[in-house]
Amino acid sequence: MGTMMEHTLGKAMENLAKGAAEQMQAAQQRAEELHQAATQAIQANNQLRQYLGGDVQVAQPISESSSLQMVNGRQTQMVSLCH
């Protein structure tokens, strides 16, 4: 019985690790898309570029956090990127 429990626990941990890895990959993809969108938005706004001093470069974030909420069937996601 102990072996069966160990096998079940091992599978559960394997699935948990796989799910965490998939979520981390998805979060990385969202961060890259957000970085690209921010860069394009800044480059497309001449007034903002002049205000910031011309050739503006958007650096990759140093830290990132995200949260996902589901309320009454409506999903809300928030991503914060900090430099």
Protein backbone atom coordinates (compact mmCIF):
# COMPACT_ATOMS: atom_id res chain seq x y z
CA MET A 1 0.00 0.00 0.00
CA GLY A 2 2.90 2.34 0.72
CA THR A 3 4.26 1.89 -2.80
CA MET A 4 0.88 2.76 -4.33
CA MET A 5 0.65 5.89 -2.19
CA GLU A 6 4.21 6.89 -3.15
CA HIS A 7 3.37 6.37 -6.83
CA THR A 8 0.20 8.47 -6.52
CA LEU A 9 2.05 11.21 -4.63
CA GLY A 10 4.86 11.12 -7.19
CA LYS A 11 2.38 11.55 -10.05
CA ALA A 12 0.65 14.41 -8.25
CA MET A 13 3.99 16.20 -7.73
CA GLU A 14 4.94 15.58 -11.36
CA ASN A 15 1.65 17.12 -12.54
CA LEU A 16 2.10 20.07 -10.17
CA ALA A 17 5.61 20.72 -11.46
CA LYS A 18 4.44 20.45 -15.07
CA GLY A 19 1.58 22.88 -14.42
CA ALA A 20 3.91 25.36 -12.71
CA ALA A 21 6.37 25.18 -15.61
CA GLU A 22 3.58 25.80 -18.13
CA GLN A 23 2.33 28.79 -16.14
CA MET A 24 5.84 30.23 -15.89
CA GLN A 25 6.28 29.87 -19.64
CA ALA A 26 2.92 31.54 -20.30
CA ALA A 27 3.80 34.39 -17.92
CA GLN A 28 7.13 34.89 -19.71
CA GLN A 29 5.34 35.02 -23.05
CA ARG A 30 2.85 37.60 -21.72
CA ALA A 31 5.72 39.70 -20.32
CA GLU A 32 7.50 39.66 -23.68
CA GLU A 33 4.30 40.66 -25.48
CA LEU A 34 3.69 43.47 -22.99
CA HIS A 35 7.29 44.70 -23.35
CA GLN A 36 6.96 44.71 -27.13
CA ALA A 37 3.61 46.55 -26.98
CA ALA A 38 5.04 49.18 -24.60
CA THR A 39 8.06 49.71 -26.84
CA GLN A 40 5.88 50.10 -29.93
CA ALA A 41 3.48 52.48 -28.15
CA ILE A 42 6.32 54.73 -27.00
CA GLN A 43 8.04 54.71 -30.38
CA ALA A 44 4.77 55.56 -32.14
CA ASN A 45 4.11 58.62 -29.93
CA ASN A 46 6.31 61.49 -31.18
CA GLN A 47 5.18 63.86 -28.44
CA LEU A 48 6.10 61.36 -25.72
CA ARG A 49 9.46 60.59 -27.34
CA GLN A 50 10.28 64.31 -27.48
CA TYR A 51 9.24 64.72 -23.85
CA LEU A 52 11.45 61.80 -22.80
CA GLY A 53 14.40 63.03 -24.81
CA GLY A 54 14.28 61.48 -28.25
CA ASP A 55 15.50 57.94 -28.77
CA VAL A 56 13.81 56.01 -25.97
CA GLN A 57 14.64 52.39 -25.25
CA VAL A 58 12.47 50.19 -23.06
CA ALA A 59 14.55 47.81 -20.94
CA GLN A 60 13.48 44.33 -19.96
CA PRO A 61 11.90 44.18 -16.50
CA ILE A 62 13.96 43.11 -13.52
CA SER A 63 10.98 41.62 -11.75
CA GLU A 64 7.54 40.52 -12.77
CA SER A 65 4.39 39.50 -10.97
CA SER A 66 1.01 38.46 -12.20
CA SER A 67 -2.33 37.59 -10.72
CA LEU A 68 -5.45 36.04 -12.15
CA GLN A 69 -8.92 36.45 -10.66
CA MET A 70 -12.18 34.80 -11.57
CA VAL A 71 -15.28 36.58 -10.22
CA ASN A 72 -18.77 35.66 -11.38
CA GLY A 73 -17.34 33.91 -14.42
CA ARG A 74 -15.31 36.94 -15.49
CA GLN A 75 -11.55 36.53 -15.62
CA THR A 76 -9.28 39.46 -14.81
CA GLN A 77 -5.52 39.33 -15.16
CA MET A 78 -2.98 41.85 -13.94
CA VAL A 79 0.69 41.84 -14.89
CA SER A 80 3.22 44.16 -13.21
CA LEU A 81 6.66 44.66 -14.66
CA CYS A 82 9.27 46.55 -12.62
CA HIS A 83 12.66 47.82 -13.60
